[in-house]
């Protein structure tokens, strides 16, 4: 019976609990909970349904650990308890957001290139290399050492990176352009296939589909101009 009750916890590592708690506090800001003992955790769970899947003992341990590490601040004011992230806690929550960051691929490309230009001081070399590594992880193409390009909308993601790395407008710029000169290599990198008026973005996972459509189209029409759409 106990194993079935705590099935989710056994499947998920403790880090997932930590991540959910920090994410909740990051979004909610300061959380006020009725602190009448012994119903503290019960009141806490009412405020955030996602935490209900965890055993109360584990949650209690996590809050104790976060407070001990200086990641959260817990204050009692009258009959209420206020919980909020400290500055260190906000940084920790930010790292979780950054780790989960990814740029979605639309089915049809809008013919615009997103160009990231950054100029980060040599004094911030470690930060600069970390930022460059994150751009690579997100699928950007290195046009130059400090100029990276993406084919799909990434404005929200870049703003999150700017905030996380503490970069100013001068240090990091996002430019959206329709013409960057010879973009053949870029289109190849982002799996963008151009055919007449139609431009379709094919996922990296579908190279065989592209090959099949082209082969079948040529053999079926006898014409090398085959109209393709993203499947």
C-alpha atoms as a PDB file:
ATOM      1  CA  UNK A   1       0.000   0.000   0.000  1.00  0.00           C
ATOM      2  CA  UNK A   2       2.777   2.437   0.979  1.00  0.00           C
ATOM      3  CA  UNK A   3       4.739   1.742  -2.219  1.00  0.00           C
ATOM      4  CA  UNK A   4       1.682   2.480  -4.363  1.00  0.00           C
ATOM      5  CA  UNK A   5       1.002   5.700  -2.464  1.00  0.00           C
ATOM      6  CA  UNK A   6       4.535   6.989  -2.997  1.00  0.00           C
ATOM      7  CA  UNK A   7       4.987   5.607  -6.507  1.00  0.00           C
ATOM      8  CA  UNK A   8       5.597   9.050  -8.060  1.00  0.00           C
ATOM      9  CA  UNK A   9       8.301   9.922  -5.566  1.00  0.00           C
ATOM     10  CA  UNK A  10      10.178   6.679  -6.151  1.00  0.00           C
ATOM     11  CA  UNK A  11      10.129   7.339  -9.907  1.00  0.00           C
ATOM     12  CA  UNK A  12      11.310  10.957  -9.594  1.00  0.00           C
ATOM     13  CA  UNK A  13      14.617  11.999  -7.946  1.00  0.00           C
ATOM     14  CA  UNK A  14      14.703  14.449  -5.059  1.00  0.00           C
ATOM     15  CA  UNK A  15      15.898  17.134  -7.470  1.00  0.00           C
ATOM     16  CA  UNK A  16      12.446  17.146  -9.082  1.00  0.00           C
ATOM     17  CA  UNK A  17      10.854  18.079  -5.757  1.00  0.00           C
ATOM     18  CA  UNK A  18      13.414  20.831  -5.270  1.00  0.00           C
ATOM     19  CA  UNK A  19      12.773  22.065  -8.806  1.00  0.00           C
ATOM     20  CA  UNK A  20       8.992  22.158  -8.358  1.00  0.00           C
ATOM     21  CA  UNK A  21       9.194  24.010  -5.034  1.00  0.00           C
ATOM     22  CA  UNK A  22      11.614  26.638  -6.351  1.00  0.00           C
ATOM     23  CA  UNK A  23       9.646  27.089  -9.571  1.00  0.00           C
ATOM     24  CA  UNK A  24       6.435  27.597  -7.578  1.00  0.00           C
ATOM     25  CA  UNK A  25       8.015  30.232  -5.339  1.00  0.00           C
ATOM     26  CA  UNK A  26       9.653  31.901  -8.322  1.00  0.00           C
ATOM     27  CA  UNK A  27       6.307  32.374 -10.065  1.00  0.00           C
ATOM     28  CA  UNK A  28       4.251  33.132  -6.956  1.00  0.00           C
ATOM     29  CA  UNK A  29       6.696  35.525  -5.282  1.00  0.00           C
ATOM     30  CA  UNK A  30       6.020  35.768  -1.531  1.00  0.00           C
ATOM     31  CA  UNK A  31       3.547  33.078  -0.451  1.00  0.00           C
ATOM     32  CA  UNK A  32       1.308  33.660   2.569  1.00  0.00           C
ATOM     33  CA  UNK A  33      -0.021  30.584   4.344  1.00  0.00           C
ATOM     34  CA  UNK A  34      -2.143  30.217   7.461  1.00  0.00           C
ATOM     35  CA  UNK A  35       0.371  28.900   9.974  1.00  0.00           C
ATOM     36  CA  UNK A  36      -1.964  27.340  12.507  1.00  0.00           C
ATOM     37  CA  UNK A  37      -0.232  24.177  13.715  1.00  0.00           C
ATOM     38  CA  UNK A  38      -0.403  21.323  12.868  1.00  0.00           C
ATOM     39  CA  UNK A  39      -1.871  22.152   9.458  1.00  0.00           C
ATOM     40  CA  UNK A  40       1.046  24.075   7.927  1.00  0.00           C
ATOM     41  CA  UNK A  41       1.806  21.571   5.162  1.00  0.00           C
ATOM     42  CA  UNK A  42      -1.883  21.019   4.468  1.00  0.00           C
ATOM     43  CA  UNK A  43      -2.328  24.751   3.880  1.00  0.00           C
ATOM     44  CA  UNK A  44       0.830  24.793   1.780  1.00  0.00           C
ATOM     45  CA  UNK A  45      -0.436  22.029  -0.517  1.00  0.00           C
ATOM     46  CA  UNK A  46      -3.725  23.843  -1.026  1.00  0.00           C
ATOM     47  CA  UNK A  47      -1.784  26.680  -2.599  1.00  0.00           C
ATOM     48  CA  UNK A  48      -0.045  24.594  -5.245  1.00  0.00           C
ATOM     49  CA  UNK A  49      -1.606  21.406  -6.604  1.00  0.00           C
ATOM     50  CA  UNK A  50       1.623  20.224  -8.251  1.00  0.00           C
ATOM     51  CA  UNK A  51       3.190  19.644  -4.833  1.00  0.00           C
ATOM     52  CA  UNK A  52       0.411  17.277  -3.738  1.00  0.00           C
ATOM     53  CA  UNK A  53       1.988  14.323  -5.522  1.00  0.00           C
ATOM     54  CA  UNK A  54       4.927  14.375  -3.080  1.00  0.00           C
ATOM     55  CA  UNK A  55       4.928  12.803   0.399  1.00  0.00           C
ATOM     56  CA  UNK A  56       4.476  15.465   3.108  1.00  0.00           C
ATOM     57  CA  UNK A  57       7.605  14.248   4.920  1.00  0.00           C
ATOM     58  CA  UNK A  58       9.715  14.831   1.812  1.00  0.00           C
ATOM     59  CA  UNK A  59       8.298  18.313   1.336  1.00  0.00           C
ATOM     60  CA  UNK A  60       8.999  19.149   4.945  1.00  0.00           C
ATOM     61  CA  UNK A  61      12.606  17.987   4.496  1.00  0.00           C
ATOM     62  CA  UNK A  62      12.979  20.087   1.335  1.00  0.00           C
ATOM     63  CA  UNK A  63      11.712  23.273   3.010  1.00  0.00           C
ATOM     64  CA  UNK A  64      14.037  22.669   5.966  1.00  0.00           C
ATOM     65  CA  UNK A  65      16.950  22.130   3.574  1.00  0.00           C
ATOM     66  CA  UNK A  66      16.156  25.246   1.517  1.00  0.00           C
ATOM     67  CA  UNK A  67      15.936  27.399   4.646  1.00  0.00           C
ATOM     68  CA  UNK A  68      19.200  25.980   6.012  1.00  0.00           C
ATOM     69  CA  UNK A  69      20.952  26.697   2.679  1.00  0.00           C
ATOM     70  CA  UNK A  70      19.658  30.262   2.664  1.00  0.00           C
ATOM     71  CA  UNK A  71      17.566  29.773  -0.473  1.00  0.00           C
ATOM     72  CA  UNK A  72      14.227  30.662   1.124  1.00  0.00           C
ATOM     73  CA  UNK A  73      13.132  32.968   3.921  1.00  0.00           C
ATOM     74  CA  UNK A  74      10.294  31.953   6.227  1.00  0.00           C
ATOM     75  CA  UNK A  75       8.707  34.603   8.444  1.00  0.00           C
ATOM     76  CA  UNK A  76       5.743  34.476  10.795  1.00  0.00           C
ATOM     77  CA  UNK A  77       3.547  37.562  10.905  1.00  0.00           C
ATOM     78  CA  UNK A  78       0.557  37.195  13.200  1.00  0.00           C
ATOM     79  CA  UNK A  79      -1.320  34.021  12.212  1.00  0.00           C
ATOM     80  CA  UNK A  80       0.312  33.784   8.790  1.00  0.00           C
ATOM     81  CA  UNK A  81       3.597  32.387   7.561  1.00  0.00           C
ATOM     82  CA  UNK A  82       5.308  34.080   4.601  1.00  0.00           C
ATOM     83  CA  UNK A  83       7.675  32.118   2.372  1.00  0.00           C
ATOM     84  CA  UNK A  84       9.788  33.739  -0.310  1.00  0.00           C
ATOM     85  CA  UNK A  85      12.993  33.150  -2.233  1.00  0.00           C
ATOM     86  CA  UNK A  86      16.178  34.892  -1.172  1.00  0.00           C
ATOM     87  CA  UNK A  87      18.471  36.353  -3.844  1.00  0.00           C
ATOM     88  CA  UNK A  88      20.425  33.075  -3.886  1.00  0.00           C
ATOM     89  CA  UNK A  89      17.155  31.176  -4.156  1.00  0.00           C
ATOM     90  CA  UNK A  90      16.137  33.249  -7.183  1.00  0.00           C
ATOM     91  CA  UNK A  91      19.425  32.396  -8.871  1.00  0.00           C
ATOM     92  CA  UNK A  92      18.868  28.695  -8.177  1.00  0.00           C
ATOM     93  CA  UNK A  93      15.328  28.851  -9.593  1.00  0.00           C
ATOM     94  CA  UNK A  94      16.670  30.711 -12.615  1.00  0.00           C
ATOM     95  CA  UNK A  95      19.149  27.921 -13.302  1.00  0.00           C
ATOM     96  CA  UNK A  96      16.301  25.415 -13.446  1.00  0.00           C
ATOM     97  CA  UNK A  97      14.487  27.607 -15.985  1.00  0.00           C
ATOM     98  CA  UNK A  98      17.636  27.947 -18.074  1.00  0.00           C
ATOM     99  CA  UNK A  99      18.236  24.186 -18.004  1.00  0.00           C
ATOM    100  CA  UNK A 100      14.723  23.552 -19.382  1.00  0.00           C
ATOM    101  CA  UNK A 101      14.965  26.224 -22.072  1.00  0.00           C
ATOM    102  CA  UNK A 102      14.422  25.213 -25.694  1.00  0.00           C
ATOM    103  CA  UNK A 103      13.442  26.983 -28.904  1.00  0.00           C
ATOM    104  CA  UNK A 104      10.418  25.586 -30.728  1.00  0.00           C
ATOM    105  CA  UNK A 105      10.453  24.928 -34.457  1.00  0.00           C
ATOM    106  CA  UNK A 106       7.506  26.123 -36.496  1.00  0.00           C
ATOM    107  CA  UNK A 107       6.282  24.058 -39.443  1.00  0.00           C
ATOM    108  CA  UNK A 108       6.714  26.953 -41.829  1.00  0.00           C
ATOM    109  CA  UNK A 109       9.625  29.334 -41.708  1.00  0.00           C
ATOM    110  CA  UNK A 110       8.786  33.060 -41.796  1.00  0.00           C
ATOM    111  CA  UNK A 111      11.940  33.878 -43.839  1.00  0.00           C
ATOM    112  CA  UNK A 112      13.476  35.803 -40.978  1.00  0.00           C
ATOM    113  CA  UNK A 113      16.811  35.249 -39.286  1.00  0.00           C
ATOM    114  CA  UNK A 114      17.289  35.954 -35.583  1.00  0.00           C
ATOM    115  CA  UNK A 115      20.804  37.307 -35.128  1.00  0.00           C
ATOM    116  CA  UNK A 116      22.415  37.421 -31.694  1.00  0.00           C
ATOM    117  CA  UNK A 117      25.344  39.818 -31.318  1.00  0.00           C
ATOM    118  CA  UNK A 118      27.117  39.922 -27.992  1.00  0.00           C
ATOM    119  CA  UNK A 119      30.079  41.910 -26.716  1.00  0.00           C
ATOM    120  CA  UNK A 120      30.966  40.660 -23.255  1.00  0.00           C
ATOM    121  CA  UNK A 121      34.080  42.014 -21.548  1.00  0.00           C
ATOM    122  CA  UNK A 122      37.204  39.889 -21.070  1.00  0.00           C
ATOM    123  CA  UNK A 123      36.667  40.460 -17.347  1.00  0.00           C
ATOM    124  CA  UNK A 124      33.533  38.308 -17.686  1.00  0.00           C
ATOM    125  CA  UNK A 125      35.240  35.550 -19.641  1.00  0.00           C
ATOM    126  CA  UNK A 126      33.661  32.690 -17.691  1.00  0.00           C
ATOM    127  CA  UNK A 127      30.187  34.201 -18.124  1.00  0.00           C
ATOM    128  CA  UNK A 128      30.856  34.808 -21.832  1.00  0.00           C
ATOM    129  CA  UNK A 129      31.857  31.197 -22.436  1.00  0.00           C
ATOM    130  CA  UNK A 130      28.834  29.949 -20.495  1.00  0.00           C
ATOM    131  CA  UNK A 131      26.550  32.156 -22.604  1.00  0.00           C
ATOM    132  CA  UNK A 132      28.168  30.964 -25.832  1.00  0.00           C
ATOM    133  CA  UNK A 133      27.761  27.349 -24.703  1.00  0.00           C
ATOM    134  CA  UNK A 134      24.049  27.934 -24.011  1.00  0.00           C
ATOM    135  CA  UNK A 135      23.527  29.375 -27.506  1.00  0.00           C
ATOM    136  CA  UNK A 136      25.129  26.263 -28.974  1.00  0.00           C
ATOM    137  CA  UNK A 137      22.929  24.057 -26.797  1.00  0.00           C
ATOM    138  CA  UNK A 138      19.818  25.922 -28.013  1.00  0.00           C
ATOM    139  CA  UNK A 139      20.709  25.214 -31.625  1.00  0.00           C
ATOM    140  CA  UNK A 140      22.103  28.560 -32.768  1.00  0.00           C
ATOM    141  CA  UNK A 141      24.488  28.663 -35.728  1.00  0.00           C
ATOM    142  CA  UNK A 142      27.855  30.403 -35.131  1.00  0.00           C
ATOM    143  CA  UNK A 143      28.125  32.910 -37.976  1.00  0.00           C
ATOM    144  CA  UNK A 144      31.090  34.476 -36.206  1.00  0.00           C
ATOM    145  CA  UNK A 145      32.595  34.038 -32.741  1.00  0.00           C
ATOM    146  CA  UNK A 146      30.218  36.593 -31.211  1.00  0.00           C
ATOM    147  CA  UNK A 147      27.485  36.491 -33.851  1.00  0.00           C
ATOM    148  CA  UNK A 148      25.034  33.579 -33.710  1.00  0.00           C
ATOM    149  CA  UNK A 149      21.930  32.948 -35.801  1.00  0.00           C
ATOM    150  CA  UNK A 150      18.648  31.092 -35.383  1.00  0.00           C
ATOM    151  CA  UNK A 151      15.838  30.594 -37.900  1.00  0.00           C
ATOM    152  CA  UNK A 152      12.920  30.532 -35.458  1.00  0.00           C
ATOM    153  CA  UNK A 153      11.345  32.915 -32.964  1.00  0.00           C
ATOM    154  CA  UNK A 154      13.479  33.090 -29.818  1.00  0.00           C
ATOM    155  CA  UNK A 155      12.854  36.563 -28.397  1.00  0.00           C
ATOM    156  CA  UNK A 156      11.395  35.308 -25.103  1.00  0.00           C
ATOM    157  CA  UNK A 157      14.259  32.845 -24.655  1.00  0.00           C
ATOM    158  CA  UNK A 158      16.882  35.524 -25.325  1.00  0.00           C
ATOM    159  CA  UNK A 159      15.272  37.883 -22.807  1.00  0.00           C
ATOM    160  CA  UNK A 160      15.378  35.125 -20.207  1.00  0.00           C
ATOM    161  CA  UNK A 161      19.071  34.528 -20.973  1.00  0.00           C
ATOM    162  CA  UNK A 162      19.752  38.274 -20.772  1.00  0.00           C
ATOM    163  CA  UNK A 163      18.163  38.432 -17.332  1.00  0.00           C
ATOM    164  CA  UNK A 164      19.858  35.280 -16.082  1.00  0.00           C
ATOM    165  CA  UNK A 165      23.354  36.296 -17.220  1.00  0.00           C
ATOM    166  CA  UNK A 166      22.827  39.933 -16.235  1.00  0.00           C
ATOM    167  CA  UNK A 167      23.608  41.343 -19.683  1.00  0.00           C
ATOM    168  CA  UNK A 168      22.784  44.880 -20.783  1.00  0.00           C
ATOM    169  CA  UNK A 169      21.365  45.995 -24.140  1.00  0.00           C
ATOM    170  CA  UNK A 170      24.870  47.039 -25.109  1.00  0.00           C
ATOM    171  CA  UNK A 171      26.311  43.620 -24.274  1.00  0.00           C
ATOM    172  CA  UNK A 172      23.581  41.600 -26.003  1.00  0.00           C
ATOM    173  CA  UNK A 173      21.492  42.512 -29.029  1.00  0.00           C
ATOM    174  CA  UNK A 174      18.834  40.597 -30.926  1.00  0.00           C
ATOM    175  CA  UNK A 175      18.395  41.615 -34.561  1.00  0.00           C
ATOM    176  CA  UNK A 176      15.731  40.213 -36.869  1.00  0.00           C
ATOM    177  CA  UNK A 177      16.635  40.324 -40.574  1.00  0.00           C
ATOM    178  CA  UNK A 178      15.265  38.921 -43.819  1.00  0.00           C
ATOM    179  CA  UNK A 179      18.511  39.193 -45.752  1.00  0.00           C
ATOM    180  CA  UNK A 180      21.894  38.065 -44.440  1.00  0.00           C
ATOM    181  CA  UNK A 181      23.550  37.507 -47.803  1.00  0.00           C
ATOM    182  CA  UNK A 182      24.392  33.956 -48.845  1.00  0.00           C
ATOM    183  CA  UNK A 183      22.298  31.874 -46.436  1.00  0.00           C
ATOM    184  CA  UNK A 184      22.694  28.477 -48.092  1.00  0.00           C
ATOM    185  CA  UNK A 185      24.705  27.090 -45.176  1.00  0.00           C
ATOM    186  CA  UNK A 186      22.179  28.440 -42.669  1.00  0.00           C
ATOM    187  CA  UNK A 187      19.240  26.830 -44.477  1.00  0.00           C
ATOM    188  CA  UNK A 188      21.117  23.551 -44.576  1.00  0.00           C
ATOM    189  CA  UNK A 189      21.864  23.768 -40.852  1.00  0.00           C
ATOM    190  CA  UNK A 190      18.227  24.461 -39.922  1.00  0.00           C
ATOM    191  CA  UNK A 191      16.815  21.922 -42.410  1.00  0.00           C
ATOM    192  CA  UNK A 192      14.981  24.584 -44.416  1.00  0.00           C
ATOM    193  CA  UNK A 193      13.981  23.472 -47.909  1.00  0.00           C
ATOM    194  CA  UNK A 194      13.117  26.093 -50.472  1.00  0.00           C
ATOM    195  CA  UNK A 195      10.963  25.290 -53.500  1.00  0.00           C
ATOM    196  CA  UNK A 196       9.452  28.100 -55.529  1.00  0.00           C
ATOM    197  CA  UNK A 197       7.128  30.192 -53.357  1.00  0.00           C
ATOM    198  CA  UNK A 198       6.828  27.605 -50.622  1.00  0.00           C
ATOM    199  CA  UNK A 199       9.378  27.356 -47.835  1.00  0.00           C
ATOM    200  CA  UNK A 200       9.004  24.513 -45.362  1.00  0.00           C
ATOM    201  CA  UNK A 201      11.030  23.777 -42.265  1.00  0.00           C
ATOM    202  CA  UNK A 202      11.775  20.077 -41.973  1.00  0.00           C
ATOM    203  CA  UNK A 203      12.708  18.646 -38.592  1.00  0.00           C
ATOM    204  CA  UNK A 204      16.164  17.177 -38.210  1.00  0.00           C
ATOM    205  CA  UNK A 205      14.542  13.861 -37.392  1.00  0.00           C
ATOM    206  CA  UNK A 206      12.952  13.593 -40.868  1.00  0.00           C
ATOM    207  CA  UNK A 207      15.780  13.414 -43.427  1.00  0.00           C
ATOM    208  CA  UNK A 208      14.448  10.093 -44.774  1.00  0.00           C
ATOM    209  CA  UNK A 209      10.993  11.626 -45.278  1.00  0.00           C
ATOM    210  CA  UNK A 210      12.505  14.452 -47.331  1.00  0.00           C
ATOM    211  CA  UNK A 211      14.466  11.955 -49.424  1.00  0.00           C
ATOM    212  CA  UNK A 212      11.353   9.775 -49.924  1.00  0.00           C
ATOM    213  CA  UNK A 213       9.145  12.707 -50.967  1.00  0.00           C
ATOM    214  CA  UNK A 214      11.723  13.962 -53.429  1.00  0.00           C
ATOM    215  CA  UNK A 215      12.339  10.497 -54.924  1.00  0.00           C
ATOM    216  CA  UNK A 216       8.622   9.703 -55.217  1.00  0.00           C
ATOM    217  CA  UNK A 217       7.841  13.124 -56.632  1.00  0.00           C
ATOM    218  CA  UNK A 218      10.500  12.884 -59.313  1.00  0.00           C
ATOM    219  CA  UNK A 219       9.569   9.337 -60.334  1.00  0.00           C
ATOM    220  CA  UNK A 220       5.862  10.185 -60.286  1.00  0.00           C
ATOM    221  CA  UNK A 221       5.967  13.406 -62.309  1.00  0.00           C
ATOM    222  CA  UNK A 222       9.140  13.148 -64.276  1.00  0.00           C
ATOM    223  CA  UNK A 223       9.898  16.676 -63.145  1.00  0.00           C
ATOM    224  CA  UNK A 224      12.604  17.679 -60.700  1.00  0.00           C
ATOM    225  CA  UNK A 225      10.468  20.530 -59.381  1.00  0.00           C
ATOM    226  CA  UNK A 226       8.598  18.741 -56.650  1.00  0.00           C
ATOM    227  CA  UNK A 227       6.261  20.582 -54.276  1.00  0.00           C
ATOM    228  CA  UNK A 228       6.905  19.514 -50.703  1.00  0.00           C
ATOM    229  CA  UNK A 229       5.186  20.307 -47.442  1.00  0.00           C
ATOM    230  CA  UNK A 230       6.315  19.494 -43.923  1.00  0.00           C
ATOM    231  CA  UNK A 231       4.792  16.296 -42.652  1.00  0.00           C
END
